C-alpha cells in the first residue's frame, strides 16, 4: 500500500479522475480515499514514481506520506 497526500483533491469528480488515471496502471489493485484529509491509499505493487507521475499528468500533484 502507498499512501498519498493529494492537496488539490476536493470533490467526487476529483476522486473519479484520480481513480481513472491510476486504475489502468500495471499492478493497481484498488484505492481508498479520505476526502477530509485529502489522502488516498493505493493498493497493489505500483511504484511510487509511477503513481506520482500519473497524478501529475492529470493535474493532481501528490506526495508520498511516510
N, C-alpha and C. Protein backbone atom coordinates (compact mmCIF):
# COMPACT_ATOMS: atom_id res chain seq x y z
N UNK A 1 0.85 -1.18 0.00
CA UNK A 1 0.00 0.00 0.00
C UNK A 1 0.89 1.24 0.00
N UNK A 2 0.46 2.23 -0.77
CA UNK A 2 1.14 3.52 -0.81
C UNK A 2 0.14 4.59 -0.43
N UNK A 3 0.48 5.38 0.58
CA UNK A 3 -0.41 6.47 0.99
C UNK A 3 0.08 7.76 0.35
N UNK A 4 -0.86 8.47 -0.27
CA UNK A 4 -0.54 9.70 -0.98
C UNK A 4 -1.30 10.88 -0.40
N UNK A 5 -0.64 11.99 -0.29
CA UNK A 5 -1.28 13.26 0.03
C UNK A 5 -1.56 13.95 -1.29
N UNK A 6 -2.84 14.30 -1.51
CA UNK A 6 -3.25 14.93 -2.77
C UNK A 6 -4.01 16.21 -2.40
N UNK A 7 -3.29 17.31 -2.14
CA UNK A 7 -3.92 18.52 -1.60
C UNK A 7 -5.01 19.14 -2.48
N UNK A 8 -4.92 18.95 -3.80
CA UNK A 8 -5.90 19.57 -4.70
C UNK A 8 -7.16 18.73 -4.88
N UNK A 9 -7.24 17.57 -4.24
CA UNK A 9 -8.42 16.70 -4.34
C UNK A 9 -9.51 17.27 -3.43
N UNK A 10 -10.64 17.69 -4.02
CA UNK A 10 -11.65 18.35 -3.20
C UNK A 10 -13.08 17.85 -3.40
N UNK A 11 -13.29 16.96 -4.37
CA UNK A 11 -14.67 16.55 -4.62
C UNK A 11 -14.73 15.16 -5.24
N UNK A 12 -15.92 14.69 -5.44
CA UNK A 12 -16.12 13.38 -6.04
C UNK A 12 -15.59 13.29 -7.46
N UNK A 13 -15.70 14.38 -8.20
CA UNK A 13 -15.18 14.39 -9.56
C UNK A 13 -13.66 14.23 -9.55
N UNK A 14 -13.01 14.89 -8.59
CA UNK A 14 -11.55 14.75 -8.44
C UNK A 14 -11.19 13.29 -8.18
N UNK A 15 -11.90 12.67 -7.25
CA UNK A 15 -11.62 11.27 -6.90
C UNK A 15 -11.83 10.36 -8.12
N UNK A 16 -12.88 10.61 -8.88
CA UNK A 16 -13.14 9.80 -10.08
C UNK A 16 -12.01 9.97 -11.10
N UNK A 17 -11.53 11.18 -11.26
CA UNK A 17 -10.42 11.43 -12.20
C UNK A 17 -9.16 10.72 -11.75
N UNK A 18 -8.89 10.79 -10.46
CA UNK A 18 -7.69 10.15 -9.91
C UNK A 18 -7.78 8.63 -10.08
N UNK A 19 -8.91 8.05 -9.72
CA UNK A 19 -9.07 6.61 -9.86
C UNK A 19 -8.97 6.20 -11.33
N UNK A 20 -9.55 6.99 -12.22
CA UNK A 20 -9.47 6.69 -13.65
C UNK A 20 -8.06 6.72 -14.19
N UNK A 21 -7.23 7.59 -13.64
CA UNK A 21 -5.84 7.68 -14.09
C UNK A 21 -4.99 6.53 -13.54
N UNK A 22 -5.32 6.07 -12.33
CA UNK A 22 -4.50 5.04 -11.70
C UNK A 22 -4.94 3.62 -12.03
N UNK A 23 -6.22 3.41 -12.26
CA UNK A 23 -6.75 2.06 -12.48
C UNK A 23 -6.05 1.29 -13.61
N UNK A 24 -5.68 1.93 -14.72
CA UNK A 24 -5.03 1.17 -15.80
C UNK A 24 -3.57 0.80 -15.53
N UNK A 25 -2.98 1.34 -14.47
CA UNK A 25 -1.57 1.09 -14.21
C UNK A 25 -1.33 -0.38 -13.84
N UNK A 26 -0.27 -0.98 -14.37
CA UNK A 26 0.04 -2.37 -14.03
C UNK A 26 0.25 -2.51 -12.52
N UNK A 27 -0.42 -3.47 -11.93
CA UNK A 27 -0.28 -3.71 -10.50
C UNK A 27 -1.32 -3.03 -9.64
N UNK A 28 -2.07 -2.08 -10.21
CA UNK A 28 -3.10 -1.38 -9.43
C UNK A 28 -4.18 -2.36 -9.01
N UNK A 29 -4.47 -2.38 -7.70
CA UNK A 29 -5.49 -3.29 -7.17
C UNK A 29 -6.68 -2.57 -6.55
N UNK A 30 -6.53 -1.30 -6.22
CA UNK A 30 -7.63 -0.56 -5.63
C UNK A 30 -7.15 0.71 -4.96
N UNK A 31 -8.12 1.52 -4.54
CA UNK A 31 -7.79 2.80 -3.91
C UNK A 31 -8.87 3.14 -2.90
N UNK A 32 -8.44 3.71 -1.78
CA UNK A 32 -9.36 4.22 -0.76
C UNK A 32 -9.04 5.69 -0.53
N UNK A 33 -10.08 6.49 -0.51
CA UNK A 33 -9.91 7.93 -0.35
C UNK A 33 -10.32 8.38 1.04
N UNK A 34 -9.64 9.39 1.55
CA UNK A 34 -10.05 10.10 2.75
C UNK A 34 -10.19 11.56 2.32
N UNK A 35 -11.42 11.96 2.00
CA UNK A 35 -11.66 13.29 1.45
C UNK A 35 -11.28 14.40 2.43
N UNK A 36 -11.57 14.20 3.71
CA UNK A 36 -11.24 15.23 4.70
C UNK A 36 -9.74 15.47 4.79
N UNK A 37 -8.98 14.39 4.83
CA UNK A 37 -7.52 14.50 4.94
C UNK A 37 -6.86 14.76 3.59
N UNK A 38 -7.65 14.60 2.52
CA UNK A 38 -7.13 14.73 1.15
C UNK A 38 -5.97 13.77 0.90
N UNK A 39 -6.22 12.52 1.28
CA UNK A 39 -5.25 11.46 1.06
C UNK A 39 -5.91 10.29 0.35
N UNK A 40 -5.08 9.43 -0.19
CA UNK A 40 -5.54 8.21 -0.84
C UNK A 40 -4.55 7.10 -0.53
N UNK A 41 -5.08 5.90 -0.32
CA UNK A 41 -4.24 4.73 -0.11
C UNK A 41 -4.41 3.83 -1.34
N UNK A 42 -3.32 3.64 -2.03
CA UNK A 42 -3.34 2.84 -3.26
C UNK A 42 -2.83 1.44 -2.93
N UNK A 43 -3.61 0.45 -3.31
CA UNK A 43 -3.24 -0.94 -3.07
C UNK A 43 -2.66 -1.54 -4.34
N UNK A 44 -1.65 -2.36 -4.16
CA UNK A 44 -1.02 -3.05 -5.28
C UNK A 44 0.42 -2.61 -5.45
N UNK A 45 1.19 -3.41 -6.17
CA UNK A 45 2.61 -3.14 -6.34
C UNK A 45 2.91 -2.15 -7.47
N UNK A 46 2.39 -0.95 -7.36
CA UNK A 46 2.68 0.11 -8.33
C UNK A 46 3.76 0.99 -7.72
N UNK A 47 4.78 1.32 -8.47
CA UNK A 47 5.88 2.12 -7.93
C UNK A 47 5.40 3.53 -7.58
N UNK A 48 6.03 4.09 -6.58
CA UNK A 48 5.69 5.46 -6.16
C UNK A 48 5.89 6.42 -7.32
N UNK A 49 6.97 6.26 -8.04
CA UNK A 49 7.26 7.15 -9.17
C UNK A 49 6.15 7.10 -10.21
N UNK A 50 5.66 5.90 -10.50
CA UNK A 50 4.58 5.74 -11.48
C UNK A 50 3.30 6.42 -11.01
N UNK A 51 2.96 6.23 -9.73
CA UNK A 51 1.76 6.86 -9.18
C UNK A 51 1.85 8.38 -9.26
N UNK A 52 2.97 8.92 -8.79
CA UNK A 52 3.14 10.37 -8.77
C UNK A 52 3.13 10.96 -10.18
N UNK A 53 3.74 10.26 -11.11
CA UNK A 53 3.77 10.73 -12.49
C UNK A 53 2.37 10.74 -13.11
N UNK A 54 1.61 9.67 -12.87
CA UNK A 54 0.24 9.60 -13.40
C UNK A 54 -0.63 10.73 -12.85
N UNK A 55 -0.48 11.01 -11.57
CA UNK A 55 -1.27 12.09 -10.96
C UNK A 55 -0.83 13.46 -11.45
N UNK A 56 0.45 13.66 -11.60
CA UNK A 56 0.97 14.93 -12.13
C UNK A 56 0.42 15.18 -13.53
N UNK A 57 0.35 14.14 -14.33
CA UNK A 57 -0.13 14.25 -15.71
C UNK A 57 -1.56 14.77 -15.78
N UNK A 58 -2.39 14.40 -14.79
CA UNK A 58 -3.80 14.86 -14.82
C UNK A 58 -4.02 16.10 -13.94
N UNK A 59 -2.95 16.70 -13.46
CA UNK A 59 -3.09 17.96 -12.72
C UNK A 59 -3.32 17.82 -11.23
N UNK A 60 -2.94 16.69 -10.67
CA UNK A 60 -3.08 16.47 -9.23
C UNK A 60 -1.73 16.10 -8.62
N UNK A 61 -0.85 17.09 -8.44
CA UNK A 61 0.45 16.78 -7.83
C UNK A 61 0.23 16.17 -6.45
N UNK A 62 1.04 15.17 -6.14
CA UNK A 62 0.87 14.44 -4.89
C UNK A 62 2.24 14.17 -4.25
N UNK A 63 2.19 13.76 -3.00
CA UNK A 63 3.39 13.37 -2.28
C UNK A 63 3.11 12.07 -1.55
N UNK A 64 4.13 11.24 -1.42
CA UNK A 64 4.00 10.02 -0.64
C UNK A 64 4.04 10.39 0.83
N UNK A 65 3.13 9.80 1.60
CA UNK A 65 3.08 10.02 3.05
C UNK A 65 3.80 8.83 3.69
N UNK A 66 4.78 9.11 4.49
CA UNK A 66 5.54 8.05 5.15
C UNK A 66 5.16 7.96 6.60
